[in-house]
Amino acid sequence: MASVLIAVPSFRRPKSLERLLIAIANLNTRANVTVLVADNDPEQREAVATCDTVRARGYRWPISSIVVTERGIAHVRNALVAEALRQPPCDFIAMLDDDEEPDANWLGELLRVQSETGADALNGSTRRVFETAPGAWAKHCDGVSDIFAPTGNIGIIEGTGNLLAKHALFAGMAAPWFDPAFAMTGGEDKDFFVRAKKTGARFAWANDAIAYDYVPPSRANLRWALSRAYSAGNSDMRVFLKYRPDLVARLNEMARIVAALLLNPVLFVILAFNPNRRVRPLRKLCRAFGKLAAIGGRTYEEYSVIHGQ
């Protein structure tokens, strides 16, 4: 029987965190589960209080919490991994964000696909749940639309939300696992998996391992979706530059940026009346501008704004 530690980063979302913890308690699984929550708010400590509350009610799984004083998602993920490695060894470390809610069969599906593929780390699908319906322009954008892919081996994964990874993957890599330079910008997870792939790690996707992502009104609009595209382009380019690519790789990347800047304004005009495709050129333009900003040394601190409760 597999043993799994579910690690949850949290910052000022006590209602969402409680919903997540209830869903974890209702998982349909025979695995031995423990839950670890990292609270990134050393002043209010709402996540710690939430863990204390559910524990006092008689929580299904062993649950503990830690406080991370350094602000930023990379610091929180590093603290979670460090604490997980200090605890008695488990087979797997899973990660869920505090605005997610796993389906009852989520963990079973991740473990099943991991067993079939032998993957060192795998992602599951994301289904969005909206407090208010997104605008017609926004609903097809990354961060607003659902995320899914065929079950099986894939080249790489990029996110730590809805994640299952072998304990040995983290134990075999040196700290910090998540680069603190990405603490407030995001991109720390993609950077980790790029490094993991260089060590020979293998990845997979479990399409039926579903986590529901609750989207507040502040994220269900075109403005946020385009800022997300800019942020993704900015962090992707920073990861790319971090590993000192050779001249050929740099020139290829610049060619793609230039092509995006030249072609997408034209595509936007062509697709303006196609409701399912018209936003794609805008997203690609924003990603390109985000990449250019990173080349110029500028960063976008996406995690400086809190969405949801």
C-alpha atoms as a PDB file:
ATOM      1  CA  MET A   1       0.000   0.000   0.000  1.00  0.00           C
ATOM      2  CA  ALA A   2       1.481   3.332  -1.074  1.00  0.00           C
ATOM      3  CA  SER A   3       2.252   6.071   1.420  1.00  0.00           C
ATOM      4  CA  VAL A   4       1.636   9.638   0.255  1.00  0.00           C
ATOM      5  CA  LEU A   5       2.321  12.991   1.889  1.00  0.00           C
ATOM      6  CA  ILE A   6       0.023  15.684   0.482  1.00  0.00           C
ATOM      7  CA  ALA A   7       1.738  19.080   0.719  1.00  0.00           C
ATOM      8  CA  VAL A   8      -0.313  22.283   0.512  1.00  0.00           C
ATOM      9  CA  PRO A   9       1.068  25.841   0.271  1.00  0.00           C
ATOM     10  CA  SER A  10      -1.350  28.421   1.661  1.00  0.00           C
ATOM     11  CA  PHE A  11      -1.560  32.195   2.005  1.00  0.00           C
ATOM     12  CA  ARG A  12      -4.627  34.006   3.351  1.00  0.00           C
ATOM     13  CA  ARG A  13      -7.230  31.638   1.885  1.00  0.00           C
ATOM     14  CA  PRO A  14      -8.703  29.968   4.986  1.00  0.00           C
ATOM     15  CA  LYS A  15     -12.084  29.224   3.381  1.00  0.00           C
ATOM     16  CA  SER A  16     -10.505  27.656   0.313  1.00  0.00           C
ATOM     17  CA  LEU A  17      -8.041  25.723   2.446  1.00  0.00           C
ATOM     18  CA  GLU A  18     -10.810  24.252   4.610  1.00  0.00           C
ATOM     19  CA  ARG A  19     -12.699  23.178   1.479  1.00  0.00           C
ATOM     20  CA  LEU A  20      -9.526  21.501   0.190  1.00  0.00           C
ATOM     21  CA  LEU A  21      -8.861  19.701   3.484  1.00  0.00           C
ATOM     22  CA  ILE A  22     -12.431  18.384   3.574  1.00  0.00           C
ATOM     23  CA  ALA A  23     -12.015  17.044   0.036  1.00  0.00           C
ATOM     24  CA  ILE A  24      -8.733  15.335   0.985  1.00  0.00           C
ATOM     25  CA  ALA A  25     -10.511  13.720   3.935  1.00  0.00           C
ATOM     26  CA  ASN A  26     -13.120  12.357   1.499  1.00  0.00           C
ATOM     27  CA  LEU A  27     -10.637  10.765  -0.910  1.00  0.00           C
ATOM     28  CA  ASN A  28     -11.526   7.293  -2.112  1.00  0.00           C
ATOM     29  CA  THR A  29      -8.133   5.671  -1.534  1.00  0.00           C
ATOM     30  CA  ARG A  30      -6.430   2.835   0.323  1.00  0.00           C
ATOM     31  CA  ALA A  31      -3.140   4.740   0.458  1.00  0.00           C
ATOM     32  CA  ASN A  32      -1.624   5.814   3.732  1.00  0.00           C
ATOM     33  CA  VAL A  33      -2.007   9.590   3.604  1.00  0.00           C
ATOM     34  CA  THR A  34      -0.547  12.385   5.698  1.00  0.00           C
ATOM     35  CA  VAL A  35      -1.227  16.072   5.149  1.00  0.00           C
ATOM     36  CA  LEU A  36       1.231  18.936   5.547  1.00  0.00           C
ATOM     37  CA  VAL A  37       0.224  22.599   5.183  1.00  0.00           C
ATOM     38  CA  ALA A  38       2.671  25.506   4.926  1.00  0.00           C
ATOM     39  CA  ASP A  39       1.329  28.885   6.050  1.00  0.00           C
ATOM     40  CA  ASN A  40       3.116  31.803   4.383  1.00  0.00           C
ATOM     41  CA  ASP A  41       1.519  34.409   6.659  1.00  0.00           C
ATOM     42  CA  PRO A  42       3.502  34.532   9.936  1.00  0.00           C
ATOM     43  CA  GLU A  43       1.299  37.327  11.302  1.00  0.00           C
ATOM     44  CA  GLN A  44      -2.263  36.061  10.905  1.00  0.00           C
ATOM     45  CA  ARG A  45      -1.516  32.306  10.596  1.00  0.00           C
ATOM     46  CA  GLU A  46      -4.974  31.556   9.238  1.00  0.00           C
ATOM     47  CA  ALA A  47      -3.809  28.308   7.617  1.00  0.00           C
ATOM     48  CA  VAL A  48      -2.398  27.062  10.919  1.00  0.00           C
ATOM     49  CA  ALA A  49      -5.682  27.890  12.639  1.00  0.00           C
ATOM     50  CA  THR A  50      -7.629  26.059   9.928  1.00  0.00           C
ATOM     51  CA  CYS A  51      -5.497  22.945  10.392  1.00  0.00           C
ATOM     52  CA  ASP A  52      -6.018  23.132  14.161  1.00  0.00           C
ATOM     53  CA  THR A  53      -9.773  23.397  13.646  1.00  0.00           C
ATOM     54  CA  VAL A  54     -10.116  20.380  11.350  1.00  0.00           C
ATOM     55  CA  ARG A  55      -7.789  18.332  13.577  1.00  0.00           C
ATOM     56  CA  ALA A  56      -9.922  19.118  16.605  1.00  0.00           C
ATOM     57  CA  ARG A  57     -12.990  17.826  14.775  1.00  0.00           C
ATOM     58  CA  GLY A  58     -11.315  14.443  14.280  1.00  0.00           C
ATOM     59  CA  TYR A  59      -9.598  14.636  10.894  1.00  0.00           C
ATOM     60  CA  ARG A  60      -9.287  11.414   8.895  1.00  0.00           C
ATOM     61  CA  TRP A  61      -5.547  11.758   8.233  1.00  0.00           C
ATOM     62  CA  PRO A  62      -2.579  12.889  10.335  1.00  0.00           C
ATOM     63  CA  ILE A  63      -2.276  16.623   9.606  1.00  0.00           C
ATOM     64  CA  SER A  64       0.423  19.126  10.569  1.00  0.00           C
ATOM     65  CA  SER A  65       1.312  22.693   9.670  1.00  0.00           C
ATOM     66  CA  ILE A  66       4.435  24.822   9.473  1.00  0.00           C
ATOM     67  CA  VAL A  67       4.927  28.576   9.196  1.00  0.00           C
ATOM     68  CA  VAL A  68       7.148  29.971   6.441  1.00  0.00           C
ATOM     69  CA  THR A  69       8.269  33.516   7.204  1.00  0.00           C
ATOM     70  CA  GLU A  70       9.899  34.318   3.846  1.00  0.00           C
ATOM     71  CA  ARG A  71       7.214  35.539   1.467  1.00  0.00           C
ATOM     72  CA  GLY A  72       6.852  33.834  -1.876  1.00  0.00           C
ATOM     73  CA  ILE A  73       5.717  30.576  -3.455  1.00  0.00           C
ATOM     74  CA  ALA A  74       9.225  29.187  -4.009  1.00  0.00           C
ATOM     75  CA  HIS A  75      10.077  29.590  -0.317  1.00  0.00           C
ATOM     76  CA  VAL A  76       6.863  27.827   0.664  1.00  0.00           C
ATOM     77  CA  ARG A  77       7.416  24.894  -1.687  1.00  0.00           C
ATOM     78  CA  ASN A  78      11.001  24.525  -0.455  1.00  0.00           C
ATOM     79  CA  ALA A  79       9.812  24.476   3.158  1.00  0.00           C
ATOM     80  CA  LEU A  80       7.215  21.825   2.318  1.00  0.00           C
ATOM     81  CA  VAL A  81       9.776  19.588   0.619  1.00  0.00           C
ATOM     82  CA  ALA A  82      12.336  20.068   3.404  1.00  0.00           C
ATOM     83  CA  GLU A  83       9.752  19.150   6.050  1.00  0.00           C
ATOM     84  CA  ALA A  84       8.523  16.180   4.003  1.00  0.00           C
ATOM     85  CA  LEU A  85      12.079  14.853   3.769  1.00  0.00           C
ATOM     86  CA  ARG A  86      12.521  15.270   7.547  1.00  0.00           C
ATOM     87  CA  GLN A  87       9.449  13.173   8.270  1.00  0.00           C
ATOM     88  CA  PRO A  88       9.466   9.340   8.103  1.00  0.00           C
ATOM     89  CA  PRO A  89      10.016   8.373   4.451  1.00  0.00           C
ATOM     90  CA  CYS A  90       6.966   7.982   2.240  1.00  0.00           C
ATOM     91  CA  ASP A  91       6.657   6.683  -1.304  1.00  0.00           C
ATOM     92  CA  PHE A  92       5.273   9.843  -2.866  1.00  0.00           C
ATOM     93  CA  ILE A  93       4.862  13.559  -2.252  1.00  0.00           C
ATOM     94  CA  ALA A  94       1.726  15.105  -3.752  1.00  0.00           C
ATOM     95  CA  MET A  95       1.018  18.811  -4.048  1.00  0.00           C
ATOM     96  CA  LEU A  96      -2.266  20.687  -4.268  1.00  0.00           C
ATOM     97  CA  ASP A  97      -2.769  24.447  -4.177  1.00  0.00           C
ATOM     98  CA  ASP A  98      -5.086  25.914  -1.564  1.00  0.00           C
ATOM     99  CA  ASP A  99      -7.642  27.005  -4.180  1.00  0.00           C
ATOM    100  CA  GLU A 100      -7.994  23.456  -5.545  1.00  0.00           C
ATOM    101  CA  GLU A 101     -10.306  20.599  -4.588  1.00  0.00           C
ATOM    102  CA  PRO A 102      -9.454  17.029  -5.656  1.00  0.00           C
ATOM    103  CA  ASP A 103     -12.032  14.649  -7.031  1.00  0.00           C
ATOM    104  CA  ALA A 104     -12.654  11.659  -4.745  1.00  0.00           C
ATOM    105  CA  ASN A 105     -10.707   9.388  -7.132  1.00  0.00           C
ATOM    106  CA  TRP A 106      -7.892  11.889  -7.695  1.00  0.00           C
ATOM    107  CA  LEU A 107      -5.165  10.152  -5.720  1.00  0.00           C
ATOM    108  CA  GLY A 108      -6.136   6.683  -6.901  1.00  0.00           C
ATOM    109  CA  GLU A 109      -5.853   7.782 -10.526  1.00  0.00           C
ATOM    110  CA  LEU A 110      -2.462   9.410  -9.974  1.00  0.00           C
ATOM    111  CA  LEU A 111      -1.143   6.270  -8.291  1.00  0.00           C
ATOM    112  CA  ARG A 112      -2.595   4.034 -11.003  1.00  0.00           C
ATOM    113  CA  VAL A 113      -1.001   5.976 -13.857  1.00  0.00           C
ATOM    114  CA  GLN A 114       2.279   6.248 -11.967  1.00  0.00           C
ATOM    115  CA  SER A 115       2.323   2.472 -11.552  1.00  0.00           C
ATOM    116  CA  GLU A 116       1.609   1.943 -15.253  1.00  0.00           C
ATOM    117  CA  THR A 117       4.166   4.460 -16.531  1.00  0.00           C
ATOM    118  CA  GLY A 118       6.859   4.401 -13.851  1.00  0.00           C
ATOM    119  CA  ALA A 119       6.938   8.206 -14.030  1.00  0.00           C
ATOM    120  CA  ASP A 120       8.964  10.137 -11.473  1.00  0.00           C
ATOM    121  CA  ALA A 121       6.361  12.916 -11.471  1.00  0.00           C
ATOM    122  CA  LEU A 122       2.971  13.411 -13.038  1.00  0.00           C
ATOM    123  CA  ASN A 123       0.199  15.961 -13.311  1.00  0.00           C
ATOM    124  CA  GLY A 124      -3.541  15.525 -13.405  1.00  0.00           C
ATOM    125  CA  SER A 125      -6.261  17.544 -15.106  1.00  0.00           C
ATOM    126  CA  THR A 126      -7.716  20.826 -13.898  1.00  0.00           C
ATOM    127  CA  ARG A 127     -11.375  21.760 -14.172  1.00  0.00           C
ATOM    128  CA  ARG A 128     -12.336  25.373 -13.416  1.00  0.00           C
ATOM    129  CA  VAL A 129     -15.188  26.263 -11.103  1.00  0.00           C
ATOM    130  CA  PHE A 130     -16.287  29.887 -11.411  1.00  0.00           C
ATOM    131  CA  GLU A 131     -17.900  32.125  -8.827  1.00  0.00           C
ATOM    132  CA  THR A 132     -19.050  34.289 -11.735  1.00  0.00           C
ATOM    133  CA  ALA A 133     -19.052  33.245 -15.371  1.00  0.00           C
ATOM    134  CA  PRO A 134     -15.956  34.382 -17.274  1.00  0.00           C
ATOM    135  CA  GLY A 135     -16.333  36.802 -20.154  1.00  0.00           C
ATOM    136  CA  ALA A 136     -16.567  35.363 -23.653  1.00  0.00           C
ATOM    137  CA  TRP A 137     -13.058  36.586 -24.451  1.00  0.00           C
ATOM    138  CA  ALA A 138     -11.494  35.168 -21.304  1.00  0.00           C
ATOM    139  CA  LYS A 139     -12.948  31.666 -21.150  1.00  0.00           C
ATOM    140  CA  HIS A 140     -10.523  30.233 -23.707  1.00  0.00           C
ATOM    141  CA  CYS A 141      -7.404  31.654 -22.035  1.00  0.00           C
ATOM    142  CA  ASP A 142      -4.784  29.841 -19.987  1.00  0.00           C
ATOM    143  CA  GLY A 143      -5.606  30.107 -16.309  1.00  0.00           C
ATOM    144  CA  VAL A 144      -9.306  30.306 -17.133  1.00  0.00           C
ATOM    145  CA  SER A 145      -9.886  27.319 -19.430  1.00  0.00           C
ATOM    146  CA  ASP A 146      -9.657  23.694 -18.303  1.00  0.00           C
ATOM    147  CA  ILE A 147      -6.359  21.791 -18.545  1.00  0.00           C
ATOM    148  CA  PHE A 148      -6.374  18.222 -19.819  1.00  0.00           C
ATOM    149  CA  ALA A 149      -4.250  15.869 -21.933  1.00  0.00           C
ATOM    150  CA  PRO A 150      -4.238  12.191 -22.913  1.00  0.00           C
ATOM    151  CA  THR A 151      -3.133   9.839 -20.153  1.00  0.00           C
ATOM    152  CA  GLY A 152       0.404   8.533 -20.608  1.00  0.00           C
ATOM    153  CA  ASN A 153       4.039   9.505 -20.757  1.00  0.00           C
ATOM    154  CA  ILE A 154       4.887  13.095 -21.721  1.00  0.00           C
ATOM    155  CA  GLY A 155       8.114  15.004 -22.285  1.00  0.00           C
ATOM    156  CA  ILE A 156       7.869  17.314 -19.276  1.00  0.00           C
ATOM    157  CA  ILE A 157       5.402  18.789 -16.811  1.00  0.00           C
ATOM    158  CA  GLU A 158       5.500  22.413 -15.729  1.00  0.00           C
ATOM    159  CA  GLY A 159       3.242  22.801 -12.703  1.00  0.00           C
ATOM    160  CA  THR A 160       3.148  21.724  -9.073  1.00  0.00           C
ATOM    161  CA  GLY A 161      -0.595  22.101  -8.628  1.00  0.00           C
ATOM    162  CA  ASN A 162      -2.203  18.646  -8.938  1.00  0.00           C
ATOM    163  CA  LEU A 163       1.143  16.868  -8.704  1.00  0.00           C
ATOM    164  CA  LEU A 164       2.333  13.434  -7.615  1.00  0.00           C
ATOM    165  CA  ALA A 165       6.084  12.853  -7.438  1.00  0.00           C
ATOM    166  CA  LYS A 166       8.298  10.140  -6.083  1.00  0.00           C
ATOM    167  CA  HIS A 167       9.829  10.962  -2.716  1.00  0.00           C
ATOM    168  CA  ALA A 168      13.149   9.936  -4.288  1.00  0.00           C
ATOM    169  CA  LEU A 169      12.877  12.684  -6.920  1.00  0.00           C
ATOM    170  CA  PHE A 170      13.169  15.376  -4.267  1.00  0.00           C
ATOM    171  CA  ALA A 171      15.556  13.399  -2.051  1.00  0.00           C
ATOM    172  CA  GLY A 172      17.923  12.958  -4.980  1.00  0.00           C
ATOM    173  CA  MET A 173      18.157  16.675  -5.803  1.00  0.00           C
ATOM    174  CA  ALA A 174      19.932  19.353  -3.797  1.00  0.00           C
ATOM    175  CA  ALA A 175      18.112  22.169  -2.012  1.00  0.00           C
ATOM    176  CA  PRO A 176      16.741  24.620  -2.833  1.00  0.00           C
ATOM    177  CA  TRP A 177      14.481  22.585  -5.061  1.00  0.00           C
ATOM    178  CA  PHE A 178      12.592  25.695  -6.140  1.00  0.00           C
ATOM    179  CA  ASP A 179      14.694  28.718  -7.062  1.00  0.00           C
ATOM    180  CA  PRO A 180      13.963  31.647  -4.674  1.00  0.00           C
ATOM    181  CA  ALA A 181      14.538  34.035  -7.577  1.00  0.00           C
ATOM    182  CA  PHE A 182      11.040  33.026  -8.746  1.00  0.00           C
ATOM    183  CA  ALA A 183       9.445  33.461  -5.307  1.00  0.00           C
ATOM    184  CA  MET A 184       6.998  36.232  -6.264  1.00  0.00           C
ATOM    185  CA  THR A 185       6.840  35.718 -10.019  1.00  0.00           C
ATOM    186  CA  GLY A 186       6.001  32.062 -10.478  1.00  0.00           C
ATOM    187  CA  GLY A 187       7.953  29.834 -12.831  1.00  0.00           C
ATOM    188  CA  GLU A 188       9.730  28.104  -9.953  1.00  0.00           C
ATOM    189  CA  ASP A 189       7.931  24.863 -10.785  1.00  0.00           C
ATOM    190  CA  LYS A 190       8.894  24.859 -14.470  1.00  0.00           C
ATOM    191  CA  ASP A 191      12.485  25.585 -13.485  1.00  0.00           C
ATOM    192  CA  PHE A 192      12.445  22.611 -11.087  1.00  0.00           C
ATOM    193  CA  PHE A 193      11.160  20.204 -13.713  1.00  0.00           C
ATOM    194  CA  VAL A 194      13.681  21.440 -16.293  1.00  0.00           C
ATOM    195  CA  ARG A 195      16.435  20.558 -13.803  1.00  0.00           C
ATOM    196  CA  ALA A 196      14.756  17.271 -12.915  1.00  0.00           C
ATOM    197  CA  LYS A 197      14.626  16.290 -16.585  1.00  0.00           C
ATOM    198  CA  LYS A 198      18.354  16.941 -16.873  1.00  0.00           C
ATOM    199  CA  THR A 199      18.854  14.313 -14.143  1.00  0.00           C
ATOM    200  CA  GLY A 200      16.876  11.769 -16.165  1.00  0.00           C
ATOM    201  CA  ALA A 201      13.450  12.160 -14.544  1.00  0.00           C
ATOM    202  CA  ARG A 202      10.461  10.878 -16.513  1.00  0.00           C
ATOM    203  CA  PHE A 203       6.997  12.447 -16.562  1.00  0.00           C
ATOM    204  CA  ALA A 204       3.397  11.469 -17.246  1.00  0.00           C
ATOM    205  CA  TRP A 205      -0.139  12.836 -17.357  1.00  0.00           C
ATOM    206  CA  ALA A 206      -3.162  11.319 -15.604  1.00  0.00           C
ATOM    207  CA  ASN A 207      -6.202  12.784 -17.293  1.00  0.00           C
ATOM    208  CA  ASP A 208      -8.764  11.306 -14.892  1.00  0.00           C
ATOM    209  CA  ALA A 209      -6.931  12.617 -11.804  1.00  0.00           C
ATOM    210  CA  ILE A 210      -9.083  15.732 -11.599  1.00  0.00           C
ATOM    211  CA  ALA A 211      -8.592  18.730  -9.346  1.00  0.00           C
ATOM    212  CA  TYR A 212     -11.215  21.482  -9.396  1.00  0.00           C
ATOM    213  CA  ASP A 213      -9.763  24.993  -9.388  1.00  0.00           C
ATOM    214  CA  TYR A 214     -12.018  27.641  -7.851  1.00  0.00           C
ATOM    215  CA  VAL A 215     -11.756  30.863  -9.842  1.00  0.00           C
ATOM    216  CA  PRO A 216     -12.789  34.122  -8.129  1.00  0.00           C
ATOM    217  CA  PRO A 217     -14.251  37.010 -10.153  1.00  0.00           C
ATOM    218  CA  SER A 218     -10.882  38.820 -10.125  1.00  0.00           C
ATOM    219  CA  ARG A 219      -9.444  36.025 -12.310  1.00  0.00           C
ATOM    220  CA  ALA A 220     -12.435  35.417 -14.580  1.00  0.00           C
ATOM    221  CA  ASN A 221     -11.824  38.256 -17.009  1.00  0.00           C
ATOM    222  CA  LEU A 222      -9.740  39.128 -20.044  1.00  0.00           C
ATOM    223  CA  ARG A 223      -7.490  41.605 -18.230  1.00  0.00           C
ATOM    224  CA  TRP A 224      -6.307  38.975 -15.753  1.00  0.00           C
ATOM    225  CA  ALA A 225      -5.966  36.333 -18.474  1.00  0.00           C
ATOM    226  CA  LEU A 226      -3.717  38.547 -20.580  1.00  0.00           C
ATOM    227  CA  SER A 227      -1.628  39.500 -17.553  1.00  0.00           C
ATOM    228  CA  ARG A 228      -1.267  35.768 -16.903  1.00  0.00           C
ATOM    229  CA  ALA A 229       0.005  35.265 -20.445  1.00  0.00           C
ATOM    230  CA  TYR A 230       2.505  38.105 -19.965  1.00  0.00           C
ATOM    231  CA  SER A 231       3.613  36.579 -16.658  1.00  0.00           C
ATOM    232  CA  ALA A 232       4.053  33.128 -18.214  1.00  0.00           C
ATOM    233  CA  GLY A 233       6.142  34.554 -21.044  1.00  0.00           C
ATOM    234  CA  ASN A 234       8.241  36.502 -18.571  1.00  0.00           C
ATOM    235  CA  SER A 235       8.963  33.537 -16.291  1.00  0.00           C
ATOM    236  CA  ASP A 236       9.488  31.122 -19.204  1.00  0.00           C
ATOM    237  CA  MET A 237      12.146  33.402 -20.648  1.00  0.00           C
ATOM    238  CA  ARG A 238      13.848  33.759 -17.273  1.00  0.00           C
ATOM    239  CA  VAL A 239      14.021  29.971 -16.985  1.00  0.00           C
ATOM    240  CA  PHE A 240      15.386  29.790 -20.544  1.00  0.00           C
ATOM    241  CA  LEU A 241      18.082  32.382 -19.843  1.00  0.00           C
ATOM    242  CA  LYS A 242      19.013  30.850 -16.498  1.00  0.00           C
ATOM    243  CA  TYR A 243      20.697  27.907 -18.191  1.00  0.00           C
ATOM    244  CA  ARG A 244      22.846  30.086 -20.455  1.00  0.00           C
ATOM    245  CA  PRO A 245      21.621  28.843 -23.853  1.00  0.00           C
ATOM    246  CA  ASP A 246      24.039  28.949 -26.749  1.00  0.00           C
ATOM    247  CA  LEU A 247      23.846  31.511 -29.544  1.00  0.00           C
ATOM    248  CA  VAL A 248      21.786  29.274 -31.838  1.00  0.00           C
ATOM    249  CA  ALA A 249      19.151  28.700 -29.162  1.00  0.00           C
ATOM    250  CA  ARG A 250      19.010  32.417 -28.388  1.00  0.00           C
ATOM    251  CA  LEU A 251      18.587  33.313 -32.057  1.00  0.00           C
ATOM    252  CA  ASN A 252      15.822  30.729 -32.476  1.00  0.00           C
ATOM    253  CA  GLU A 253      13.987  32.121 -29.471  1.00  0.00           C
ATOM    254  CA  MET A 254      14.328  35.699 -30.747  1.00  0.00           C
ATOM    255  CA  ALA A 255      12.996  34.587 -34.125  1.00  0.00           C
ATOM    256  CA  ARG A 256       9.913  33.154 -32.445  1.00  0.00           C
ATOM    257  CA  ILE A 257       9.363  36.373 -30.505  1.00  0.00           C
ATOM    258  CA  VAL A 258       9.679  38.526 -33.616  1.00  0.00           C
ATOM    259  CA  ALA A 259       7.311  36.227 -35.521  1.00  0.00           C
ATOM    260  CA  ALA A 260       4.757  36.521 -32.702  1.00  0.00           C
ATOM    261  CA  LEU A 261       4.975  40.315 -32.724  1.00  0.00           C
ATOM    262  CA  LEU A 262       4.567  40.508 -36.502  1.00  0.00           C
ATOM    263  CA  LEU A 263       1.980  37.806 -37.166  1.00  0.00           C
ATOM    264  CA  ASN A 264      -0.427  38.035 -34.261  1.00  0.00           C
ATOM    265  CA  PRO A 265      -1.781  41.543 -34.915  1.00  0.00           C
ATOM    266  CA  VAL A 266      -2.752  40.298 -38.385  1.00  0.00           C
ATOM    267  CA  LEU A 267      -4.227  37.086 -36.971  1.00  0.00           C
ATOM    268  CA  PHE A 268      -6.235  39.073 -34.465  1.00  0.00           C
ATOM    269  CA  VAL A 269      -7.929  41.003 -37.281  1.00  0.00           C
ATOM    270  CA  ILE A 270      -8.588  37.796 -39.218  1.00  0.00           C
ATOM    271  CA  LEU A 271     -10.001  35.921 -36.220  1.00  0.00           C
ATOM    272  CA  ALA A 272     -11.832  38.823 -34.576  1.00  0.00           C
ATOM    273  CA  PHE A 273     -15.259  37.315 -35.272  1.00  0.00           C
ATOM    274  CA  ASN A 274     -14.356  33.758 -34.297  1.00  0.00           C
ATOM    275  CA  PRO A 275     -15.320  33.514 -30.591  1.00  0.00           C
ATOM    276  CA  ASN A 276     -13.270  30.361 -29.985  1.00  0.00           C
ATOM    277  CA  ARG A 277      -9.994  31.562 -31.536  1.00  0.00           C
ATOM    278  CA  ARG A 278      -9.904  35.358 -31.514  1.00  0.00           C
ATOM    279  CA  VAL A 279      -8.169  35.661 -28.150  1.00  0.00           C
ATOM    280  CA  ARG A 280      -5.209  33.435 -29.101  1.00  0.00           C
ATOM    281  CA  PRO A 281      -3.296  36.170 -30.955  1.00  0.00           C
ATOM    282  CA  LEU A 282      -3.702  38.513 -27.968  1.00  0.00           C
ATOM    283  CA  ARG A 283      -2.368  35.837 -25.609  1.00  0.00           C
ATOM    284  CA  LYS A 284       0.616  35.170 -27.848  1.00  0.00           C
ATOM    285  CA  LEU A 285       1.360  38.879 -28.089  1.00  0.00           C
ATOM    286  CA  CYS A 286       1.295  39.237 -24.318  1.00  0.00           C
ATOM    287  CA  ARG A 287       3.583  36.220 -23.915  1.00  0.00           C
ATOM    288  CA  ALA A 288       5.996  37.754 -26.412  1.00  0.00           C
ATOM    289  CA  PHE A 289       6.022  41.082 -24.567  1.00  0.00           C
ATOM    290  CA  GLY A 290       6.614  39.215 -21.301  1.00  0.00           C
ATOM    291  CA  LYS A 291       9.615  37.471 -22.851  1.00  0.00           C
ATOM    292  CA  LEU A 292      11.012  40.762 -24.123  1.00  0.00           C
ATOM    293  CA  ALA A 293      10.663  42.246 -20.646  1.00  0.00           C
ATOM    294  CA  ALA A 294      12.630  39.323 -19.191  1.00  0.00           C
ATOM    295  CA  ILE A 295      15.375  39.808 -21.767  1.00  0.00           C
ATOM    296  CA  GLY A 296      15.535  43.411 -20.589  1.00  0.00           C
ATOM    297  CA  GLY A 297      15.899  42.283 -16.981  1.00  0.00           C
ATOM    298  CA  ARG A 298      12.345  43.053 -15.829  1.00  0.00           C
ATOM    299  CA  THR A 299      10.165  40.668 -13.833  1.00  0.00           C
ATOM    300  CA  TYR A 300       6.432  40.458 -13.217  1.00  0.00           C
ATOM    301  CA  GLU A 301       5.427  39.641  -9.637  1.00  0.00           C
ATOM    302  CA  GLU A 302       2.190  37.735 -10.206  1.00  0.00           C
ATOM    303  CA  TYR A 303       2.079  36.459  -6.618  1.00  0.00           C
ATOM    304  CA  SER A 304       2.011  39.943  -5.111  1.00  0.00           C
ATOM    305  CA  VAL A 305      -1.787  39.922  -5.600  1.00  0.00           C
ATOM    306  CA  ILE A 306      -4.089  37.563  -3.667  1.00  0.00           C
ATOM    307  CA  HIS A 307      -7.127  36.096  -5.441  1.00  0.00           C
ATOM    308  CA  GLY A 308      -9.926  34.428  -3.513  1.00  0.00           C
ATOM    309  CA  GLN A 309     -10.466  33.625   0.165  1.00  0.00           C
END
